[in-house]
Structure formats: C-alpha cells, structure tokens
Amino acid sequence: MDLTEYQGKQVFREFGIPVPDGKPASGPAKAQQIAEKLGGTVVVKAQVKVGGRGKAGGVKLAQTPAETAEVAKQIIGMDIKGRF
C-alpha cells in the first residue's frame, strides 16, 4: 500500500486501532476550522508520501486556530524531497 498518513489512519480505525483525531485540510481556512473543533495544540503535517517531512519543515505545531491557518499557509505547496 502507498498511503498518506491520513489515509493510513482511516484504515487503522476500520480495524479498531486507536489513532489521534485529525482530518485533512485543503487550505488554511479549513485547517483553522478543524483546529477550532479539535481544541488545544494541533500538529499540521504535509501529506506527502516520503519520509523526513519533519526535518524538511512539513510538520509544525500550532497553539491556536489562527496560528494553524498561518502554519498551513507555510506548508501547503511546500517542496519536500521533490514532492508537493
């Protein structure tokens, strides 16, 4: 299987494996809405099928929904090991 992280989480849930709450966002506004629903600190992650996302800057913490939107703006469209 060649899945992104959020797709893998869906498969895990189907088999009863506990995973943290989260949803994919198509843009900063959607990321902010999701953060508002989740509450607290959130992790914004680039959904690319390569390792090293964190080292490349594709995984960031956000403390507030507004900060989540800003972080999402930085990550969306980022080139991580030749992948967007």
Protein backbone atom coordinates (compact mmCIF):
# COMPACT_ATOMS: atom_id res chain seq x y z
CA MET A 1 0.00 0.00 0.00
CA ASP A 2 1.12 3.53 -0.73
CA LEU A 3 -0.95 5.75 1.57
CA THR A 4 -0.66 9.19 3.04
CA GLU A 5 -0.82 9.43 6.83
CA TYR A 6 -4.50 10.42 6.99
CA GLN A 7 -5.43 7.51 4.69
CA GLY A 8 -3.48 5.10 6.89
CA LYS A 9 -5.33 6.39 9.94
CA GLN A 10 -8.64 5.60 8.25
CA VAL A 11 -7.52 2.01 7.67
CA PHE A 12 -6.35 1.68 11.27
CA ARG A 13 -9.72 2.95 12.54
CA GLU A 14 -11.53 0.33 10.44
CA PHE A 15 -9.60 -2.36 12.31
CA GLY A 16 -10.17 -0.81 15.73
CA ILE A 17 -6.64 0.53 16.16
CA PRO A 18 -6.74 3.78 18.16
CA VAL A 19 -5.29 6.83 16.41
CA PRO A 20 -5.33 10.53 17.34
CA ASP A 21 -8.17 12.65 16.00
CA GLY A 22 -7.46 14.69 12.91
CA LYS A 23 -8.66 15.48 9.42
CA PRO A 24 -7.09 16.51 6.14
CA ALA A 25 -7.46 20.18 5.19
CA SER A 26 -7.46 21.53 1.65
CA GLY A 27 -6.41 25.02 2.71
CA PRO A 28 -5.61 27.33 5.63
CA ALA A 29 -9.25 28.25 6.32
CA LYS A 30 -10.24 24.60 6.54
CA ALA A 31 -7.23 23.86 8.77
CA GLN A 32 -8.36 26.66 11.09
CA GLN A 33 -11.92 25.25 11.23
CA ILE A 34 -10.61 21.80 12.09
CA ALA A 35 -8.33 23.24 14.80
CA GLU A 36 -11.30 25.09 16.32
CA LYS A 37 -13.22 21.81 16.58
CA LEU A 38 -10.26 19.83 17.97
CA GLY A 39 -9.20 22.47 20.50
CA GLY A 40 -5.77 22.82 22.09
CA THR A 41 -2.44 22.41 20.36
CA VAL A 42 -2.60 20.78 16.92
CA VAL A 43 0.01 19.36 14.59
CA VAL A 44 -0.14 20.43 10.94
CA LYS A 45 1.53 17.88 8.65
CA ALA A 46 2.26 17.87 4.93
CA GLN A 47 0.59 14.82 3.41
CA VAL A 48 3.30 13.62 1.05
CA LYS A 49 4.43 10.05 0.60
CA VAL A 50 8.06 10.49 1.69
CA GLY A 51 9.98 10.26 4.92
CA GLY A 52 11.65 13.25 6.50
CA ARG A 53 8.66 15.59 6.43
CA GLY A 54 9.53 16.99 9.84
CA LYS A 55 13.15 17.69 9.01
CA ALA A 56 12.04 19.40 5.78
CA GLY A 57 9.65 21.71 7.71
CA GLY A 58 6.48 19.86 6.75
CA VAL A 59 5.38 19.13 10.34
CA LYS A 60 4.65 22.05 12.67
CA LEU A 61 2.83 22.66 15.94
CA ALA A 62 0.17 25.35 16.25
CA GLN A 63 -1.18 26.61 19.57
CA THR A 64 -4.31 28.39 18.29
CA PRO A 65 -6.68 28.05 15.32
CA ALA A 66 -5.33 31.30 13.84
CA GLU A 67 -1.77 30.01 14.15
CA THR A 68 -2.94 26.78 12.48
CA ALA A 69 -4.02 28.77 9.42
CA GLU A 70 -0.64 30.52 9.27
CA VAL A 71 1.27 27.26 9.59
CA ALA A 72 -0.92 25.65 6.92
CA LYS A 73 -0.08 28.54 4.56
CA GLN A 74 3.61 27.79 5.07
CA ILE A 75 3.23 24.03 4.49
CA ILE A 76 0.77 23.89 1.58
CA GLY A 77 2.66 23.78 -1.70
CA MET A 78 5.98 23.18 0.04
CA ASP A 79 8.50 21.13 -1.93
CA ILE A 80 9.54 18.17 0.23
CA LYS A 81 12.09 15.96 -1.50
CA GLY A 82 10.67 16.86 -4.90
CA ARG A 83 7.06 16.24 -3.84
CA PHE A 84 4.35 18.88 -3.38
